C-alpha atoms as a PDB file:
ATOM      1  CA  MET A   1      25.721   0.208  59.383  1.00  0.00           C
ATOM      2  CA  ILE A   2      23.163  -0.901  56.838  1.00  0.00           C
ATOM      3  CA  LEU A   3      23.124   1.007  53.615  1.00  0.00           C
ATOM      4  CA  LYS A   4      19.697   1.385  52.084  1.00  0.00           C
ATOM      5  CA  SER A   5      19.371   1.620  48.372  1.00  0.00           C
ATOM      6  CA  ILE A   6      18.040   4.938  47.232  1.00  0.00           C
ATOM      7  CA  ARG A   7      15.570   4.903  44.355  1.00  0.00           C
ATOM      8  CA  LEU A   8      16.338   7.787  42.096  1.00  0.00           C
ATOM      9  CA  PRO A   9      13.484   9.425  40.240  1.00  0.00           C
ATOM     10  CA  GLU A  10      13.095   8.235  36.687  1.00  0.00           C
ATOM     11  CA  MET A  11      14.616  10.494  34.113  1.00  0.00           C
ATOM     12  CA  PRO A  12      12.006  12.154  31.892  1.00  0.00           C
ATOM     13  CA  PRO A  13      12.011  11.070  28.254  1.00  0.00           C
ATOM     14  CA  LEU A  14      14.284  13.022  26.017  1.00  0.00           C
ATOM     15  CA  ARG A  15      12.643  15.905  24.222  1.00  0.00           C
ATOM     16  CA  ALA A  16      13.292  14.308  20.827  1.00  0.00           C
ATOM     17  CA  GLU A  17      11.681  11.070  21.949  1.00  0.00           C
ATOM     18  CA  ARG A  18       8.619  12.917  23.232  1.00  0.00           C
ATOM     19  CA  ALA A  19       8.354  14.842  19.993  1.00  0.00           C
ATOM     20  CA  ALA A  20       8.650  11.645  17.939  1.00  0.00           C
ATOM     21  CA  ALA A  21       5.987   9.949  20.059  1.00  0.00           C
ATOM     22  CA  THR A  22       3.632  12.900  19.649  1.00  0.00           C
ATOM     23  CA  ARG A  23       4.203  13.007  15.919  1.00  0.00           C
ATOM     24  CA  GLN A  24       3.439   9.281  15.660  1.00  0.00           C
ATOM     25  CA  LYS A  25       0.234   9.698  17.668  1.00  0.00           C
ATOM     26  CA  LEU A  26      -0.891  12.411  15.284  1.00  0.00           C
ATOM     27  CA  LEU A  27       0.019  10.337  12.248  1.00  0.00           C
ATOM     28  CA  ASP A  28      -1.833   7.282  13.573  1.00  0.00           C
ATOM     29  CA  ALA A  29      -4.880   9.438  14.315  1.00  0.00           C
ATOM     30  CA  ALA A  30      -4.748  10.938  10.818  1.00  0.00           C
ATOM     31  CA  VAL A  31      -4.558   7.481   9.252  1.00  0.00           C
ATOM     32  CA  GLU A  32      -7.649   6.435  11.196  1.00  0.00           C
ATOM     33  CA  GLN A  33      -9.530   9.589  10.177  1.00  0.00           C
ATOM     34  CA  PHE A  34      -8.634   9.473   6.485  1.00  0.00           C
ATOM     35  CA  ARG A  35      -9.204   5.716   6.335  1.00  0.00           C
ATOM     36  CA  ASP A  36     -12.981   6.136   6.522  1.00  0.00           C
ATOM     37  CA  ARG A  37     -13.588   9.794   5.651  1.00  0.00           C
ATOM     38  CA  PRO A  38     -12.667  11.953   2.654  1.00  0.00           C
ATOM     39  CA  TYR A  39     -10.245  14.839   3.028  1.00  0.00           C
ATOM     40  CA  ASP A  40     -12.873  17.591   3.195  1.00  0.00           C
ATOM     41  CA  GLU A  41     -14.734  15.893   6.049  1.00  0.00           C
ATOM     42  CA  VAL A  42     -11.700  15.636   8.359  1.00  0.00           C
ATOM     43  CA  SER A  43     -10.616  18.631  10.428  1.00  0.00           C
ATOM     44  CA  ILE A  44      -7.387  19.313  12.252  1.00  0.00           C
ATOM     45  CA  GLN A  45      -9.445  19.245  15.446  1.00  0.00           C
ATOM     46  CA  ASP A  46     -10.602  15.690  14.612  1.00  0.00           C
ATOM     47  CA  ILE A  47      -6.998  14.589  14.241  1.00  0.00           C
ATOM     48  CA  SER A  48      -5.664  16.302  17.353  1.00  0.00           C
ATOM     49  CA  THR A  49      -8.594  15.018  19.441  1.00  0.00           C
ATOM     50  CA  GLY A  50      -8.050  11.513  18.143  1.00  0.00           C
ATOM     51  CA  ALA A  51      -4.393  11.730  19.080  1.00  0.00           C
ATOM     52  CA  GLY A  52      -5.147  13.263  22.461  1.00  0.00           C
ATOM     53  CA  VAL A  53      -2.782  16.177  21.916  1.00  0.00           C
ATOM     54  CA  ALA A  54      -3.062  19.941  21.550  1.00  0.00           C
ATOM     55  CA  TYR A  55      -4.542  21.338  18.331  1.00  0.00           C
ATOM     56  CA  GLY A  56      -1.459  23.434  17.564  1.00  0.00           C
ATOM     57  CA  LEU A  57       0.860  20.412  17.485  1.00  0.00           C
ATOM     58  CA  VAL A  58      -0.494  19.416  14.081  1.00  0.00           C
ATOM     59  CA  ALA A  59       0.929  22.613  12.603  1.00  0.00           C
ATOM     60  CA  HIS A  60       4.136  22.191  14.616  1.00  0.00           C
ATOM     61  CA  HIS A  61       4.840  18.719  13.240  1.00  0.00           C
ATOM     62  CA  PHE A  62       3.200  18.790   9.804  1.00  0.00           C
ATOM     63  CA  GLY A  63       2.710  22.426   8.841  1.00  0.00           C
ATOM     64  CA  ASN A  64      -0.982  22.229   7.994  1.00  0.00           C
ATOM     65  CA  LYS A  65      -3.818  19.850   7.168  1.00  0.00           C
ATOM     66  CA  ARG A  66      -2.436  19.072   3.719  1.00  0.00           C
ATOM     67  CA  GLY A  67       0.921  18.236   5.251  1.00  0.00           C
ATOM     68  CA  ILE A  68      -0.473  15.672   7.666  1.00  0.00           C
ATOM     69  CA  HIS A  69      -2.800  14.334   4.972  1.00  0.00           C
ATOM     70  CA  LEU A  70       0.151  13.627   2.672  1.00  0.00           C
ATOM     71  CA  GLU A  71       2.021  11.895   5.498  1.00  0.00           C
ATOM     72  CA  ALA A  72      -1.069   9.826   6.269  1.00  0.00           C
ATOM     73  CA  ILE A  73      -1.360   8.912   2.587  1.00  0.00           C
ATOM     74  CA  ARG A  74       2.283   7.815   2.550  1.00  0.00           C
ATOM     75  CA  GLU A  75       1.697   5.709   5.651  1.00  0.00           C
ATOM     76  CA  ILE A  76      -1.436   4.114   4.193  1.00  0.00           C
ATOM     77  CA  ALA A  77       0.394   3.426   0.926  1.00  0.00           C
ATOM     78  CA  ARG A  78       3.218   1.824   2.911  1.00  0.00           C
ATOM     79  CA  ARG A  79       0.718  -0.466   4.593  1.00  0.00           C
ATOM     80  CA  LEU A  80      -0.802  -1.274   1.207  1.00  0.00           C
ATOM     81  CA  ASP A  81       2.588  -1.922  -0.358  1.00  0.00           C
ATOM     82  CA  PRO A  82       3.339  -5.482  -1.469  1.00  0.00           C
ATOM     83  CA  GLN A  83       5.773  -7.353   0.728  1.00  0.00           C
ATOM     84  CA  LEU A  84       7.833 -10.399  -0.210  1.00  0.00           C
ATOM     85  CA  PRO A  85       5.383 -13.284   0.313  1.00  0.00           C
ATOM     86  CA  PRO A  86       6.149 -16.547   2.142  1.00  0.00           C
ATOM     87  CA  GLN A  87       8.131 -19.232   0.386  1.00  0.00           C
ATOM     88  CA  GLY A  88       6.207 -21.265  -2.150  1.00  0.00           C
ATOM     89  CA  SER A  89       5.564 -21.615  -5.837  1.00  0.00           C
ATOM     90  CA  PRO A  90       5.286 -18.449  -7.939  1.00  0.00           C
ATOM     91  CA  SER A  91       1.580 -19.199  -8.337  1.00  0.00           C
ATOM     92  CA  LEU A  92       1.056 -19.251  -4.571  1.00  0.00           C
ATOM     93  CA  GLN A  93       3.161 -16.133  -4.075  1.00  0.00           C
ATOM     94  CA  ILE A  94       1.310 -14.060  -6.674  1.00  0.00           C
ATOM     95  CA  ARG A  95      -2.057 -15.093  -5.265  1.00  0.00           C
ATOM     96  CA  HIS A  96      -0.853 -14.356  -1.741  1.00  0.00           C
ATOM     97  CA  LEU A  97       0.173 -10.835  -2.787  1.00  0.00           C
ATOM     98  CA  ALA A  98      -3.226 -10.255  -4.366  1.00  0.00           C
ATOM     99  CA  ARG A  99      -5.084 -11.462  -1.258  1.00  0.00           C
ATOM    100  CA  VAL A 100      -3.025  -9.241   1.032  1.00  0.00           C
ATOM    101  CA  ARG A 101      -3.538  -6.307  -1.303  1.00  0.00           C
ATOM    102  CA  PHE A 102      -7.304  -6.691  -1.345  1.00  0.00           C
ATOM    103  CA  ALA A 103      -7.409  -7.172   2.426  1.00  0.00           C
ATOM    104  CA  SER A 104      -5.519  -3.888   2.849  1.00  0.00           C
ATOM    105  CA  ILE A 105      -7.814  -2.109   0.395  1.00  0.00           C
ATOM    106  CA  GLU A 106     -10.842  -3.342   2.332  1.00  0.00           C
ATOM    107  CA  ARG A 107      -9.291  -1.976   5.507  1.00  0.00           C
ATOM    108  CA  TYR A 108      -8.739   1.494   3.995  1.00  0.00           C
ATOM    109  CA  PRO A 109     -11.570   1.796   1.442  1.00  0.00           C
ATOM    110  CA  VAL A 110     -12.153   5.561   1.508  1.00  0.00           C
ATOM    111  CA  ALA A 111      -8.430   6.320   1.556  1.00  0.00           C
ATOM    112  CA  TRP A 112      -7.908   3.917  -1.341  1.00  0.00           C
ATOM    113  CA  VAL A 113     -10.554   5.569  -3.488  1.00  0.00           C
ATOM    114  CA  GLY A 114      -9.082   8.953  -2.592  1.00  0.00           C
ATOM    115  CA  LEU A 115      -5.642   7.819  -3.657  1.00  0.00           C
ATOM    116  CA  MET A 116      -6.880   6.475  -6.980  1.00  0.00           C
ATOM    117  CA  ARG A 117      -9.063   9.466  -7.791  1.00  0.00           C
ATOM    118  CA  GLY A 118      -6.923  12.211  -6.272  1.00  0.00           C
ATOM    119  CA  ALA A 119      -5.245  14.802  -8.474  1.00  0.00           C
ATOM    120  CA  ASP A 120      -2.657  16.012  -5.941  1.00  0.00           C
ATOM    121  CA  PRO A 121       0.737  15.489  -7.647  1.00  0.00           C
ATOM    122  CA  GLU A 122       2.452  14.495  -4.405  1.00  0.00           C
ATOM    123  CA  ALA A 123      -0.237  11.922  -3.658  1.00  0.00           C
ATOM    124  CA  ARG A 124       0.078  10.593  -7.216  1.00  0.00           C
ATOM    125  CA  ALA A 125       3.823  10.279  -6.685  1.00  0.00           C
ATOM    126  CA  VAL A 126       3.111   8.014  -3.702  1.00  0.00           C
ATOM    127  CA  ILE A 127       0.996   5.750  -5.910  1.00  0.00           C
ATOM    128  CA  GLU A 128       3.661   5.746  -8.618  1.00  0.00           C
ATOM    129  CA  ALA A 129       6.384   4.716  -6.173  1.00  0.00           C
ATOM    130  CA  SER A 130       4.179   1.905  -4.846  1.00  0.00           C
ATOM    131  CA  ARG A 131       3.456   0.682  -8.355  1.00  0.00           C
ATOM    132  CA  GLN A 132       7.155   0.646  -9.232  1.00  0.00           C
ATOM    133  CA  ARG A 133       7.853  -1.546  -6.199  1.00  0.00           C
ATOM    134  CA  GLY A 134       5.042  -3.854  -7.273  1.00  0.00           C
ATOM    135  CA  ILE A 135       6.514  -4.161 -10.769  1.00  0.00           C
ATOM    136  CA  ARG A 136       9.903  -5.158  -9.383  1.00  0.00           C
ATOM    137  CA  LEU A 137       8.394  -7.670  -6.967  1.00  0.00           C
ATOM    138  CA  ALA A 138       6.177  -9.296  -9.605  1.00  0.00           C
ATOM    139  CA  GLY A 139       9.156  -9.571 -11.930  1.00  0.00           C
ATOM    140  CA  GLN A 140      11.236 -11.155  -9.183  1.00  0.00           C
ATOM    141  CA  ILE A 141       8.568 -13.754  -8.388  1.00  0.00           C
ATOM    142  CA  LEU A 142       7.909 -14.642 -12.026  1.00  0.00           C
ATOM    143  CA  GLY A 143      11.552 -14.612 -13.073  1.00  0.00           C
ATOM    144  CA  LEU A 144      11.026 -11.762 -15.526  1.00  0.00           C
ATOM    145  CA  ASP A 145      13.172  -8.699 -16.128  1.00  0.00           C
ATOM    146  CA  PRO A 146      10.956  -5.596 -15.819  1.00  0.00           C
ATOM    147  CA  GLU A 147      13.762  -3.498 -17.280  1.00  0.00           C
ATOM    148  CA  ARG A 148      12.829  -4.920 -20.680  1.00  0.00           C
ATOM    149  CA  PRO A 149      10.353  -2.376 -22.061  1.00  0.00           C
ATOM    150  CA  VAL A 150       7.690  -4.832 -23.200  1.00  0.00           C
ATOM    151  CA  LEU A 151       7.746  -6.707 -19.881  1.00  0.00           C
ATOM    152  CA  ARG A 152       7.585  -3.482 -17.920  1.00  0.00           C
ATOM    153  CA  LEU A 153       4.625  -2.479 -20.090  1.00  0.00           C
ATOM    154  CA  ALA A 154       2.874  -5.798 -19.489  1.00  0.00           C
ATOM    155  CA  ILE A 155       3.405  -5.946 -15.726  1.00  0.00           C
ATOM    156  CA  ARG A 156       2.612  -2.282 -15.193  1.00  0.00           C
ATOM    157  CA  SER A 157      -0.585  -2.610 -17.208  1.00  0.00           C
ATOM    158  CA  CYS A 158      -1.656  -5.570 -15.088  1.00  0.00           C
ATOM    159  CA  LEU A 159      -1.026  -3.710 -11.832  1.00  0.00           C
ATOM    160  CA  ALA A 160      -2.907  -0.678 -13.127  1.00  0.00           C
ATOM    161  CA  ALA A 161      -5.781  -2.958 -14.144  1.00  0.00           C
ATOM    162  CA  ALA A 162      -5.770  -4.537 -10.681  1.00  0.00           C
ATOM    163  CA  ASP A 163      -6.002  -1.108  -9.064  1.00  0.00           C
ATOM    164  CA  GLU A 164      -8.872  -0.073 -11.332  1.00  0.00           C
ATOM    165  CA  ILE A 165     -10.677  -3.359 -10.696  1.00  0.00           C
ATOM    166  CA  ALA A 166     -10.336  -2.840  -6.945  1.00  0.00           C
ATOM    167  CA  LEU A 167     -11.677   0.699  -7.290  1.00  0.00           C
ATOM    168  CA  VAL A 168     -14.759  -0.339  -9.265  1.00  0.00           C
ATOM    169  CA  TRP A 169     -15.260  -3.343  -6.986  1.00  0.00           C
ATOM    170  CA  LEU A 170     -15.389  -1.069  -3.936  1.00  0.00           C
ATOM    171  CA  GLN A 171     -17.660   1.480  -5.572  1.00  0.00           C
ATOM    172  CA  ASP A 172     -20.066  -1.270  -6.698  1.00  0.00           C
ATOM    173  CA  GLY A 173     -20.376  -2.623  -3.167  1.00  0.00           C
ATOM    174  CA  ARG A 174     -17.957  -5.576  -3.495  1.00  0.00           C
ATOM    175  CA  PRO A 175     -20.306  -7.747  -5.588  1.00  0.00           C
ATOM    176  CA  PHE A 176     -17.789 -10.522  -6.253  1.00  0.00           C
ATOM    177  CA  ARG A 177     -15.623 -12.756  -4.103  1.00  0.00           C
ATOM    178  CA  VAL A 178     -11.986 -11.706  -3.838  1.00  0.00           C
ATOM    179  CA  GLU A 179     -10.854 -15.194  -4.899  1.00  0.00           C
ATOM    180  CA  ASP A 180     -12.815 -14.913  -8.152  1.00  0.00           C
ATOM    181  CA  ILE A 181     -11.304 -11.499  -8.856  1.00  0.00           C
ATOM    182  CA  ILE A 182      -7.818 -12.870  -8.220  1.00  0.00           C
ATOM    183  CA  GLU A 183      -8.369 -15.635 -10.765  1.00  0.00           C
ATOM    184  CA  MET A 184      -9.497 -13.040 -13.299  1.00  0.00           C
ATOM    185  CA  LEU A 185      -6.322 -11.059 -12.626  1.00  0.00           C
ATOM    186  CA  MET A 186      -4.153 -14.171 -13.017  1.00  0.00           C
ATOM    187  CA  GLY A 187      -5.720 -14.756 -16.425  1.00  0.00           C
ATOM    188  CA  THR A 188      -5.250 -11.116 -17.347  1.00  0.00           C
ATOM    189  CA  MET A 189      -1.550 -11.198 -16.480  1.00  0.00           C
ATOM    190  CA  ALA A 190      -1.051 -14.441 -18.407  1.00  0.00           C
ATOM    191  CA  GLU A 191      -2.647 -12.948 -21.517  1.00  0.00           C
ATOM    192  CA  MET A 192      -0.567  -9.771 -21.192  1.00  0.00           C
ATOM    193  CA  LEU A 193       2.590 -11.892 -21.075  1.00  0.00           C
ATOM    194  CA  ARG A 194       1.521 -13.815 -24.169  1.00  0.00           C
ATOM    195  CA  GLN A 195       1.094 -10.514 -25.972  1.00  0.00           C
ATOM    196  CA  ALA A 196       4.483  -9.362 -24.690  1.00  0.00           C
ATOM    197  CA  VAL A 197       6.084 -12.454 -26.216  1.00  0.00           C
ATOM    198  CA  ARG A 198       4.280 -11.696 -29.479  1.00  0.00           C
ATOM    199  CA  LEU A 199       5.841  -8.232 -29.483  1.00  0.00           C
ATOM    200  CA  ASP A 200       9.266  -9.516 -28.476  1.00  0.00           C
ATOM    201  CA  PRO A 201       9.705 -13.215 -29.426  1.00  0.00           C
ATOM    202  CA  ALA A 202      13.138 -13.263 -27.764  1.00  0.00           C
ATOM    203  CA  ILE A 203      11.429 -13.257 -24.347  1.00  0.00           C
ATOM    204  CA  ASP A 204      11.084 -16.643 -22.671  1.00  0.00           C
ATOM    205  CA  ALA A 205       7.971 -16.440 -20.508  1.00  0.00           C
ATOM    206  CA  THR A 206       7.333 -20.193 -20.381  1.00  0.00           C
ATOM    207  CA  GLN A 207       7.894 -20.563 -16.638  1.00  0.00           C
ATOM    208  CA  ALA A 208       5.989 -17.383 -15.793  1.00  0.00           C
ATOM    209  CA  LEU A 209       2.990 -18.498 -17.856  1.00  0.00           C
ATOM    210  CA  ALA A 210       3.066 -21.921 -16.239  1.00  0.00           C
ATOM    211  CA  ALA A 211       3.107 -20.248 -12.807  1.00  0.00           C
ATOM    212  CA  LEU A 212       0.183 -17.981 -13.633  1.00  0.00           C
ATOM    213  CA  SER A 213      -1.892 -20.894 -14.910  1.00  0.00           C
ATOM    214  CA  GLY A 214      -0.954 -23.092 -11.931  1.00  0.00           C
ATOM    215  CA  ALA A 215      -3.804 -24.359  -9.796  1.00  0.00           C
ATOM    216  CA  ASP A 216      -1.865 -24.824  -6.512  1.00  0.00           C
ATOM    217  CA  HIS A 217      -3.844 -22.199  -4.620  1.00  0.00           C
END
């Protein structure tokens, strides 16, 4: 007697997995919508249609339009967040971070401007958290302790200046090459560190300044 294998029907995905997949579809669709269009021009219908799911699922997963907008902003900010760059000199690493940052901003221009100009306190908290991570990462690369008040002031000011420069650069139609802007930012950070040392002579920023003035890019 020959026994034939019986192919059992595939088990349907678990409800939680289906729900998570649907939520991710909606979030991805919202990111795409808010990437190129301001908040007031995007409707819940646009998002649900983009995700290919029922209109009511936006409310089910995110509560309302503001809820999914905030989640989309968090996701965009995560994609804009600095990541530890490849191995190399501090000069190469800082420039790499700046290039990746500008590439991400160019990918999400409308969302970026909305983040910078938005007054929503929860959206501002997303920007603040991102900036804090950037401060820690810059300090790590340059061998500086951002817990020292004057260094935190210097690095934070440079990151804020970089964000404002990117904002104006976008609004003016990107009139300058990214590489030229990066060199301006490197000079700005070097000068801020020199001023930090002036305020607190106990700080040794010799290596950081050498890295920022390095030409290995």
